[in-house]
Amino acid sequence: MEAGLSLAKVGKGCVTAPAVYLIETGRTRPSLPTLEHIARRLGKSVEFFLADQSRGADETRSGLIELEAMVAEGRHQDAIAHGEELLKLSSSAHRLGQLRFLLAQAYLALSQPDKAASLLHEAHAHFESVDDALMLAECMGYEATVAAITQQPDAQDLAERALAVCRAINPVPASTEARLLSILATVHVGNRGWSKAITLYEEAIEAAGSVFDLSRMAKMYGGLSLAYRETGHVDAAVKYAGRSIALLEVLRDRVSLARAENNLGLILMAQGQRSAAHKHLDRSLELAEEAHLEIGRSHVLMSLCELSLLQDNVQAARQFAEQALDMAQRMKEAANVAEAHVWLGRIAAEVGDDELVDTEFAIAIQRLTEVGIEERLLRCHGIYAEILEKRGQLKDAYAHMKKAFSASRPGLLQPEDDESEERATTA
């Protein structure tokens, strides 16, 4: 019933519907190949169907069902309290993988990626050891999400490997494939690979078909909105941002809603609707504080910094940038630390403090080089080059523009091209 399959469809290609009925009602015991076939068709691990006679097994089994319901209903604090109690039982080794996986989801939903990461690492090892490809793919997808949130360079590799594991399952589980495509798309958004993100989100929506996970759909709409904004399709960006916020309001997901409001604020800012943008950015910051969201709050603070700078309120812009830097440092968000230094450099340029401009951009470039996010490094060099050009330092401006261009088109500009550099600096 849960899988939406008839007995005949469950047994298709391996066992008859009457035989499945006898197994389901406990009148006969399946062979291992038959059990493996049923497990694949229902999207469960073989161990899901195995009896557990150890001490505390019944309590763990019923507790897992309750834990899964709590996570599904968004009762994450309750889920954590309940899940940690179940972990203390330690009575059902073959259920520990699922328990840790569910508990990690709850921690991740409450923006505690460090705790989620350790649980997912243990769950990953468990699912790999019992050869449960489906749960391994799901687990790796969440590991990729944690890596993306904490701005780790292996996020894309993790998401791609999770998708490969999923697609090696026959038949390919559509809902898991859709989820993993969405996660990979979100990673590309973080890496500012907008076109690839749009393609992947569209593939995810197609793979999901008529099976809609409202929470996942809301996040996909949010990611599409951001990608369309960055590629200049503002109307599409506004449309998808509105859809995302509407779903998240219904789901009462305040953490995701804070991010969605920030996204819409940036879109409105790009349209020149500064008053409306301010409203949504303030709402985003308010939601982040209410939800005790610390990971990612620096994004909202930098958005408010950008808006303040557009409104010529340099003092407010500096305060927001400094708060963003402090938050990003405390949360160990290396890329956001660099971005905050970029904003502090731009603010220094506004007040004519050339020495501070050079200091801030030197720090930003160093941090982005260490993190290895080429697109952001390219953009940083480009912004600094524009500031240097306005200052009249054309040779230095060209040097940074050349680095930016070389990052986007490796090998096209050669270091020995001194003649072209000289022409550029004297033009």
Protein backbone atom coordinates (compact mmCIF):
# COMPACT_ATOMS: atom_id res chain seq x y z
CA MET A 1 0.00 0.00 0.00
CA GLU A 2 2.81 2.41 0.87
CA ALA A 3 4.53 1.79 -2.49
CA GLY A 4 1.25 1.99 -4.40
CA LEU A 5 1.74 -1.47 -5.92
CA SER A 6 -0.59 -4.43 -6.35
CA LEU A 7 0.57 -7.91 -5.28
CA ALA A 8 1.11 -8.78 -8.95
CA LYS A 9 3.32 -5.73 -9.45
CA VAL A 10 5.34 -6.55 -6.35
CA GLY A 11 6.01 -10.06 -7.61
CA LYS A 12 6.44 -9.13 -11.29
CA GLY A 13 9.23 -11.09 -12.96
CA CYS A 14 10.00 -13.27 -9.97
CA VAL A 15 7.01 -14.56 -7.99
CA THR A 16 3.24 -14.85 -8.46
CA ALA A 17 0.67 -12.65 -6.72
CA PRO A 18 -0.73 -15.59 -4.66
CA ALA A 19 2.79 -16.40 -3.45
CA VAL A 20 3.33 -12.76 -2.43
CA TYR A 21 0.02 -12.91 -0.55
CA LEU A 22 1.13 -16.02 1.36
CA ILE A 23 4.42 -14.31 2.26
CA GLU A 24 2.66 -11.09 3.27
CA THR A 25 0.22 -12.92 5.56
CA GLY A 26 2.96 -15.04 7.17
CA ARG A 27 1.76 -18.37 5.77
CA THR A 28 5.06 -19.09 4.03
CA ARG A 29 8.67 -18.00 4.28
CA PRO A 30 10.37 -16.52 1.18
CA SER A 31 13.73 -17.65 -0.14
CA LEU A 32 16.52 -15.04 0.02
CA PRO A 33 16.30 -14.24 -3.76
CA THR A 34 12.54 -13.75 -3.40
CA LEU A 35 13.01 -11.54 -0.35
CA GLU A 36 15.64 -9.49 -2.20
CA HIS A 37 13.24 -9.04 -5.14
CA ILE A 38 10.41 -7.89 -2.84
CA ALA A 39 12.76 -5.50 -1.04
CA ARG A 40 13.86 -3.93 -4.34
CA ARG A 41 10.28 -3.56 -5.58
CA LEU A 42 9.16 -1.89 -2.33
CA GLY A 43 12.20 0.34 -2.03
CA LYS A 44 13.27 -1.18 1.29
CA SER A 45 16.40 -2.92 2.50
CA VAL A 46 16.35 -6.68 3.06
CA GLU A 47 17.04 -6.06 6.75
CA PHE A 48 13.76 -4.12 7.00
CA PHE A 49 11.93 -7.48 6.75
CA LEU A 50 14.14 -9.48 9.11
CA ALA A 51 12.96 -10.37 12.60
CA ASP A 52 14.91 -8.93 15.52
CA GLN A 53 14.72 -10.94 18.72
CA SER A 54 17.30 -8.95 20.72
CA ARG A 55 16.50 -7.15 23.97
CA GLY A 56 14.61 -3.92 23.36
CA ALA A 57 13.85 -4.84 19.73
CA ASP A 58 10.14 -4.13 19.94
CA GLU A 59 10.77 -0.80 21.62
CA THR A 60 13.35 0.16 18.97
CA ARG A 61 11.08 -0.95 16.12
CA SER A 62 8.06 1.03 17.34
CA GLY A 63 10.33 3.91 18.31
CA LEU A 64 11.70 4.09 14.78
CA ILE A 65 8.20 4.32 13.35
CA GLU A 66 7.43 7.15 15.74
CA LEU A 67 10.74 8.88 14.95
CA GLU A 68 10.06 8.72 11.21
CA ALA A 69 6.64 10.30 11.78
CA MET A 70 8.17 13.12 13.85
CA VAL A 71 10.69 13.94 11.13
CA ALA A 72 8.01 13.83 8.43
CA GLU A 73 5.77 16.16 10.45
CA GLY A 74 8.59 18.64 11.08
CA ARG A 75 8.68 18.00 14.86
CA HIS A 76 12.46 18.11 14.81
CA GLN A 77 13.14 18.96 18.46
CA ASP A 78 10.93 16.07 19.55
CA ALA A 79 12.61 13.83 17.00
CA ILE A 80 16.06 14.62 18.38
CA ALA A 81 15.03 13.95 21.98
CA HIS A 82 13.32 10.69 20.98
CA GLY A 83 16.11 9.58 18.63
CA GLU A 84 18.86 10.16 21.17
CA GLU A 85 16.94 8.01 23.67
CA LEU A 86 16.64 5.23 21.09
CA LEU A 87 20.38 5.39 20.43
CA LYS A 88 21.03 4.71 24.12
CA LEU A 89 19.20 1.37 23.85
CA SER A 90 21.82 0.08 21.40
CA SER A 91 19.80 -3.12 21.19
CA SER A 92 19.17 -3.44 17.49
CA ALA A 93 22.34 -3.17 15.44
CA HIS A 94 20.63 -3.62 12.10
CA ARG A 95 18.29 -0.69 12.84
CA LEU A 96 21.02 1.74 13.86
CA GLY A 97 21.62 2.85 10.28
CA GLN A 98 18.03 4.02 9.81
CA LEU A 99 17.95 5.54 13.30
CA ARG A 100 21.08 7.62 12.71
CA PHE A 101 19.85 8.61 9.25
CA LEU A 102 16.54 9.95 10.61
CA LEU A 103 18.22 11.67 13.55
CA ALA A 104 20.66 13.36 11.16
CA GLN A 105 17.72 14.75 9.15
CA ALA A 106 16.29 16.32 12.31
CA TYR A 107 19.61 17.94 13.22
CA LEU A 108 20.04 19.19 9.66
CA ALA A 109 16.53 20.69 9.64
CA LEU A 110 17.46 22.65 12.78
CA SER A 111 20.64 23.90 11.08
CA GLN A 112 23.07 21.79 13.10
CA PRO A 113 25.15 20.30 10.26
CA ASP A 114 28.09 19.21 12.43
CA LYS A 115 25.93 16.82 14.46
CA ALA A 116 24.18 15.64 11.30
CA ALA A 117 27.52 14.95 9.59
CA SER A 118 28.81 12.51 12.22
CA LEU A 119 25.51 10.60 12.25
CA LEU A 120 25.42 10.42 8.46
CA HIS A 121 29.01 9.16 8.37
CA GLU A 122 28.05 6.25 10.66
CA ALA A 123 24.83 5.58 8.74
CA HIS A 124 26.80 5.60 5.47
CA ALA A 125 29.17 2.93 6.79
CA HIS A 126 26.23 0.82 7.95
CA PHE A 127 24.27 0.96 4.67
CA GLU A 128 27.44 0.21 2.73
CA SER A 129 28.24 -2.81 4.91
CA VAL A 130 24.79 -4.37 4.41
CA ASP A 131 24.81 -3.53 0.69
CA ASP A 132 21.68 -1.36 0.91
CA ALA A 133 22.17 0.73 -2.25
CA LEU A 134 18.95 2.70 -1.90
CA MET A 135 19.63 3.94 1.63
CA LEU A 136 23.30 4.48 0.79
CA ALA A 137 22.27 6.81 -2.05
CA GLU A 138 19.84 8.65 0.24
CA CYS A 139 22.50 8.98 2.94
CA MET A 140 25.13 10.27 0.49
CA GLY A 141 22.61 12.84 -0.75
CA TYR A 142 22.24 14.23 2.75
CA GLU A 143 26.02 14.15 3.19
CA ALA A 144 26.28 16.28 0.04
CA THR A 145 23.72 18.69 1.51
CA VAL A 146 25.79 19.04 4.69
CA ALA A 147 28.93 19.60 2.61
CA ALA A 148 27.15 22.30 0.58
CA ILE A 149 25.82 24.08 3.67
CA THR A 150 29.24 24.09 5.31
CA GLN A 151 30.84 25.12 1.99
CA GLN A 152 33.04 22.03 1.61
CA PRO A 153 34.67 21.50 -1.82
CA ASP A 154 33.57 17.85 -2.09
CA ALA A 155 29.82 18.62 -2.11
CA GLN A 156 29.45 18.22 -5.87
CA ASP A 157 31.44 14.98 -5.97
CA LEU A 158 29.32 13.51 -3.14
CA ALA A 159 26.06 14.47 -4.87
CA GLU A 160 27.21 13.03 -8.20
CA ARG A 161 28.32 9.75 -6.58
CA ALA A 162 24.99 9.50 -4.74
CA LEU A 163 23.14 9.93 -8.03
CA ALA A 164 25.31 7.26 -9.68
CA VAL A 165 24.54 4.79 -6.86
CA CYS A 166 20.82 5.54 -7.23
CA ARG A 167 20.83 5.11 -11.01
CA ALA A 168 22.60 1.75 -10.69
CA ILE A 169 19.52 0.35 -8.90
CA ASN A 170 17.08 -1.54 -11.14
CA PRO A 171 14.48 -0.16 -11.40
CA VAL A 172 15.71 3.33 -10.60
CA PRO A 173 13.70 4.70 -7.62
CA ALA A 174 12.13 7.85 -9.10
CA SER A 175 11.57 9.72 -5.83
CA THR A 176 15.18 9.22 -4.71
CA GLU A 177 16.50 10.19 -8.14
CA ALA A 178 14.42 13.38 -8.05
CA ARG A 179 15.69 14.20 -4.57
CA LEU A 180 19.33 13.67 -5.55
CA LEU A 181 18.99 15.71 -8.75
CA SER A 182 17.58 18.51 -6.62
CA ILE A 183 20.50 18.27 -4.18
CA LEU A 184 23.03 18.31 -7.03
CA ALA A 185 21.26 21.35 -8.50
CA THR A 186 21.46 23.12 -5.14
CA VAL A 187 25.21 22.41 -5.00
CA HIS A 188 25.58 24.03 -8.44
CA VAL A 189 23.65 27.05 -7.15
CA GLY A 190 26.18 27.33 -4.33
CA ASN A 191 28.98 27.15 -6.91
CA ARG A 192 27.16 29.75 -9.02
CA GLY A 193 26.73 27.30 -11.90
CA TRP A 194 23.34 28.76 -12.77
CA SER A 195 22.61 27.15 -16.15
CA LYS A 196 23.55 23.68 -14.93
CA ALA A 197 21.42 24.20 -11.80
CA ILE A 198 18.37 25.12 -13.90
CA THR A 199 18.81 22.02 -16.07
CA LEU A 200 19.12 19.76 -13.02
CA TYR A 201 16.10 21.28 -11.26
CA GLU A 202 14.02 20.71 -14.40
CA GLU A 203 15.23 17.08 -14.52
CA ALA A 204 14.33 16.68 -10.84
CA ILE A 205 10.80 17.98 -11.38
CA GLU A 206 10.37 15.64 -14.36
CA ALA A 207 11.74 12.66 -12.39
CA ALA A 208 9.39 13.38 -9.48
CA GLY A 209 6.38 13.12 -11.80
CA SER A 210 3.11 13.13 -9.87
CA VAL A 211 4.78 12.22 -6.56
CA PHE A 212 5.25 15.61 -4.88
CA ASP A 213 7.23 16.14 -1.71
CA LEU A 214 6.03 19.65 -0.85
CA SER A 215 9.11 20.50 1.19
CA ARG A 216 11.46 19.36 -1.56
CA MET A 217 9.37 21.11 -4.21
CA ALA A 218 9.49 24.36 -2.23
CA LYS A 219 13.27 24.17 -2.05
CA MET A 220 13.52 23.37 -5.77
CA TYR A 221 11.40 26.42 -6.58
CA GLY A 222 13.70 28.49 -4.36
CA GLY A 223 16.79 27.21 -6.13
CA LEU A 224 15.23 27.80 -9.56
CA SER A 225 14.35 31.33 -8.51
CA LEU A 226 17.93 32.07 -7.51
CA ALA A 227 19.36 30.56 -10.70
CA TYR A 228 16.91 32.45 -12.93
CA ARG A 229 17.73 35.69 -11.09
CA GLU A 230 21.43 35.27 -11.73
CA THR A 231 20.86 34.51 -15.42
CA GLY A 232 18.77 37.66 -15.87
CA HIS A 233 15.32 36.00 -16.10
CA VAL A 234 13.77 38.19 -13.41
CA ASP A 235 10.11 37.42 -14.13
CA ALA A 236 10.74 33.67 -13.83
CA ALA A 237 12.77 34.32 -10.67
CA VAL A 238 9.89 36.22 -9.04
CA LYS A 239 7.40 33.52 -10.05
CA TYR A 240 9.38 30.66 -8.54
CA ALA A 241 10.28 32.67 -5.42
CA GLY A 242 6.58 33.29 -4.81
CA ARG A 243 5.77 29.59 -5.22
CA SER A 244 8.55 28.62 -2.83
CA ILE A 245 7.42 31.06 -0.13
CA ALA A 246 3.77 30.01 -0.48
CA LEU A 247 4.63 26.33 0.07
CA LEU A 248 7.00 27.06 2.95
CA GLU A 249 4.34 29.17 4.68
CA VAL A 250 1.96 26.21 4.51
CA LEU A 251 4.67 23.85 5.78
CA ARG A 252 5.69 26.35 8.49
CA ASP A 253 9.33 25.69 7.68
CA ARG A 254 10.83 28.85 9.18
CA VAL A 255 14.44 27.94 8.39
CA SER A 256 13.80 27.46 4.68
CA LEU A 257 11.39 30.39 4.66
CA ALA A 258 14.14 32.68 5.97
CA ARG A 259 16.32 31.70 3.00
CA ALA A 260 13.45 32.10 0.54
CA GLU A 261 12.62 35.59 1.83
CA ASN A 262 16.28 36.56 1.41
CA ASN A 263 16.19 35.29 -2.17
CA LEU A 264 13.06 37.30 -3.00
CA GLY A 265 14.60 40.39 -1.40
CA LEU A 266 17.62 40.10 -3.71
CA ILE A 267 15.35 39.73 -6.76
CA LEU A 268 13.36 42.84 -5.83
CA MET A 269 16.61 44.69 -5.20
CA ALA A 270 17.76 43.82 -8.73
CA GLN A 271 14.46 45.20 -10.04
CA GLY A 272 15.03 48.47 -8.22
CA GLN A 273 12.19 47.85 -5.76
CA ARG A 274 14.31 48.76 -2.75
CA SER A 275 11.51 49.37 -0.27
CA ALA A 276 9.91 45.99 -1.00
CA ALA A 277 13.33 44.35 -0.91
CA HIS A 278 14.00 45.82 2.54
CA LYS A 279 10.71 44.38 3.79
CA HIS A 280 11.57 40.84 2.69
CA LEU A 281 15.19 41.03 3.89
CA ASP A 282 14.05 42.25 7.32
CA ARG A 283 11.55 39.39 7.39
CA SER A 284 14.33 36.96 6.49
CA LEU A 285 16.54 38.17 9.33
CA GLU A 286 13.60 38.03 11.75
CA LEU A 287 12.80 34.42 10.76
CA ALA A 288 16.47 33.43 11.06
CA GLU A 289 16.58 34.81 14.60
CA GLU A 290 13.28 33.15 15.57
CA ALA A 291 14.47 29.78 14.23
CA HIS A 292 17.90 30.24 15.85
CA LEU A 293 19.37 29.86 12.36
CA GLU A 294 23.07 30.67 12.44
CA ILE A 295 24.41 28.74 9.45
CA GLY A 296 23.67 30.96 6.46
CA ARG A 297 22.58 34.05 8.43
CA SER A 298 25.66 35.83 7.07
CA HIS A 299 24.02 35.64 3.61
CA VAL A 300 21.09 37.74 4.85
CA LEU A 301 23.39 40.25 6.55
CA MET A 302 25.37 40.69 3.32
CA SER A 303 22.12 41.19 1.40
CA LEU A 304 21.20 43.98 3.81
CA CYS A 305 24.73 45.37 3.40
CA GLU A 306 24.25 45.48 -0.38
CA LEU A 307 20.88 47.20 -0.06
CA SER A 308 22.27 49.77 2.40
CA LEU A 309 25.10 50.55 0.00
CA LEU A 310 22.61 51.06 -2.85
CA GLN A 311 20.75 53.50 -0.59
CA ASP A 312 24.04 55.36 0.13
CA ASN A 313 23.88 54.40 3.80
CA VAL A 314 27.56 53.54 4.16
CA GLN A 315 27.48 53.33 7.96
CA ALA A 316 24.67 50.74 7.97
CA ALA A 317 26.38 48.82 5.15
CA ARG A 318 29.59 48.60 7.19
CA GLN A 319 27.72 47.41 10.28
CA PHE A 320 25.95 44.65 8.31
CA ALA A 321 29.22 43.59 6.63
CA GLU A 322 31.03 43.40 9.98
CA GLN A 323 28.17 41.39 11.50
CA ALA A 324 28.24 39.06 8.48
CA LEU A 325 32.01 38.60 8.86
CA ASP A 326 31.67 37.81 12.56
CA MET A 327 28.85 35.32 11.95
CA ALA A 328 30.65 33.62 9.04
CA GLN A 329 33.83 33.28 11.10
CA ARG A 330 31.96 31.77 14.04
CA MET A 331 30.15 29.32 11.76
CA LYS A 332 33.40 28.54 9.87
CA GLU A 333 31.83 29.51 6.52
CA ALA A 334 35.08 30.11 4.66
CA ALA A 335 33.52 31.35 1.41
CA ASN A 336 31.21 33.75 3.25
CA VAL A 337 34.15 35.08 5.28
CA ALA A 338 35.80 35.97 1.96
CA GLU A 339 32.58 37.53 0.62
CA ALA A 340 32.27 39.69 3.73
CA HIS A 341 35.81 40.99 3.13
CA VAL A 342 34.80 41.82 -0.46
CA TRP A 343 31.92 43.93 0.84
CA LEU A 344 34.16 45.64 3.38
CA GLY A 345 36.55 46.42 0.52
CA ARG A 346 33.74 47.89 -1.58
CA ILE A 347 32.59 50.01 1.37
CA ALA A 348 36.15 51.26 1.89
CA ALA A 349 36.21 52.25 -1.81
CA GLU A 350 33.05 54.29 -1.30
CA VAL A 351 34.76 56.42 1.37
CA GLY A 352 38.09 56.62 -0.49
CA ASP A 353 40.17 54.52 1.93
CA ASP A 354 42.51 52.98 -0.66
CA GLU A 355 44.76 51.26 1.87
CA LEU A 356 41.82 49.46 3.49
CA VAL A 357 40.45 48.52 0.05
CA ASP A 358 43.74 46.80 -0.81
CA THR A 359 43.87 45.04 2.56
CA GLU A 360 40.31 43.70 2.37
CA PHE A 361 40.64 42.46 -1.21
CA ALA A 362 43.99 40.83 -0.46
CA ILE A 363 42.33 38.88 2.36
CA ALA A 364 39.32 37.98 0.19
CA ILE A 365 41.49 36.76 -2.69
CA GLN A 366 43.66 34.69 -0.35
CA ARG A 367 40.63 33.09 1.34
CA LEU A 368 38.88 32.29 -1.95
CA THR A 369 42.09 30.81 -3.35
CA GLU A 370 42.36 28.57 -0.28
CA VAL A 371 38.73 27.47 -0.55
CA GLY A 372 39.12 26.82 -4.28
CA ILE A 373 35.83 28.31 -5.46
CA GLU A 374 36.96 29.59 -8.86
CA GLU A 375 33.78 31.41 -9.86
CA ARG A 376 33.76 33.54 -6.71
CA LEU A 377 37.49 34.19 -7.06
CA LEU A 378 36.92 35.32 -10.66
CA ARG A 379 34.17 37.69 -9.52
CA CYS A 380 36.37 39.07 -6.70
CA HIS A 381 39.22 39.84 -9.13
CA GLY A 382 36.72 41.53 -11.46
CA ILE A 383 35.28 43.79 -8.73
CA TYR A 384 38.75 44.75 -7.51
CA ALA A 385 39.86 45.48 -11.09
CA GLU A 386 36.95 47.93 -11.53
CA ILE A 387 37.86 49.72 -8.29
CA LEU A 388 41.53 49.96 -9.32
CA GLU A 389 40.55 51.27 -12.74
CA LYS A 390 38.46 54.07 -11.19
CA ARG A 391 41.43 54.86 -8.96
CA GLY A 392 43.61 55.26 -12.06
CA GLN A 393 45.83 52.24 -11.38
CA LEU A 394 45.35 50.79 -14.84
CA LYS A 395 48.26 48.35 -14.79
CA ASP A 396 47.10 46.79 -11.50
CA ALA A 397 43.52 46.76 -12.78
CA TYR A 398 44.59 44.92 -15.90
CA ALA A 399 46.53 42.37 -13.84
CA HIS A 400 43.43 41.47 -11.81
CA MET A 401 41.17 41.48 -14.85
CA LYS A 402 43.63 39.15 -16.56
CA LYS A 403 43.50 36.78 -13.59
CA ALA A 404 39.71 36.85 -13.68
CA PHE A 405 39.65 36.19 -17.41
CA SER A 406 42.26 33.43 -17.16
CA ALA A 407 40.17 31.73 -14.46
CA SER A 408 37.16 31.67 -16.75
CA ARG A 409 39.12 30.81 -19.94
CA PRO A 410 42.22 28.81 -18.83
CA GLY A 411 45.12 29.00 -21.28
CA LEU A 412 43.59 31.71 -23.45
CA LEU A 413 45.83 34.44 -22.03
CA GLN A 414 49.49 33.53 -21.71
CA PRO A 415 51.81 34.99 -19.02
CA GLU A 416 54.33 36.04 -21.68
CA ASP A 417 51.79 38.27 -23.41
CA ASP A 418 53.60 41.38 -22.14
CA GLU A 419 53.00 43.37 -25.30
CA SER A 420 49.20 43.18 -24.98
CA GLU A 421 49.49 44.06 -21.27
CA GLU A 422 51.51 47.15 -22.13
CA ARG A 423 48.94 48.19 -24.74
CA ALA A 424 46.15 47.77 -22.19
CA THR A 425 47.87 49.86 -19.53
CA THR A 426 48.66 52.69 -21.91
CA ALA A 427 45.28 52.72 -23.67
